[in-house]
C-alpha cells in the first residue's frame, strides 16, 4: 500500500506525484519543495500559496523539464524550476519520545488494517518529517481521524524479522468526527516532526558503526474480547533512514 506513481518521458522530462516538504532555501532563498524524487524544486503555484507554510508537508504533482531554459543554472541556483500543484496539505503531528502506554485505550480509538512510514523528508533548514500512513479497519465517508506516533528514544534496539538494531514506534488513531455511509477504503497521512528522533538515533547508530536508522511501526489492529484495551499490535516490516553525512 501507499505507493505513488511517476512517469519518465524521454530522458530529460519527468512527472510525478508524491510527498514534499515546503521550506525556504536554495542560493536565492526561494520557497522550495523538498522531496526524495529530485533535487529541491521551485513550483510557483506552491511557492506563492501562503496557506502553505514553511515546514508544511504536501502531496503534490510536478512536471520537470531538465532541458528548460529556467534550469540551465540549476546547480548554481540550488534548485530546479518545475510546474505542478499542491493536492493536499498534510496534518501535522509531534512524535512523542516518552515510553508509550500500550495497555491504555484512548477515547474513540479506532483500529488500523495497515500502516507504515511512507517517506522521510528534510530541507536545508534542518526540518525533518516522517510521513506516516494509516488505513482504518472501518472508515465511513467524511469520517475524520487523528494520529499519534511515539518512540521511546531510550529503548534498546532489537533484532526484528531478521534485521538487527531495529527501533519500534507506536502509531495510534482516534476518530474525531463521525462519517456516514457508505464505507470506504482509504488511508490517512500525517507529517510528524522527526528532528529529535533523527538527531538522537542517528548519533547513536553512528557510534555503533552503522550508516542507517532501522525501525518498524506497531499499530493497534484488534481490541481484546471486552473492548477495554488493545488486544493485538501488528508490526510492520522494518525500514530504514540513511544517516546523511551532510544536510540535503
Foldseek 3Di string as FASTA:
>chain_A
DLDWDWDDDPDFKIKTWAKWAWAQDWPVRFTWTWFPPDFTEDEPQVRPPVVADHGWMFTKMWMFGCPDPQNPCCVNRRYGYIYIHTPGTAAAAAAAQADDDQFADDVQWFAFPDKWFDGWTADPVLWIKTKIKTKTPWAAPPWDKDKYKYFHLPDFADQDPNRGRAGEMEMIMGTDGDHDDDIDTDMGIYIYGCNVVLVSVLVVVVVVVDFKHKYWYWYQHAAPPVRRGGDDTDIDDIDIDGRDPDGD
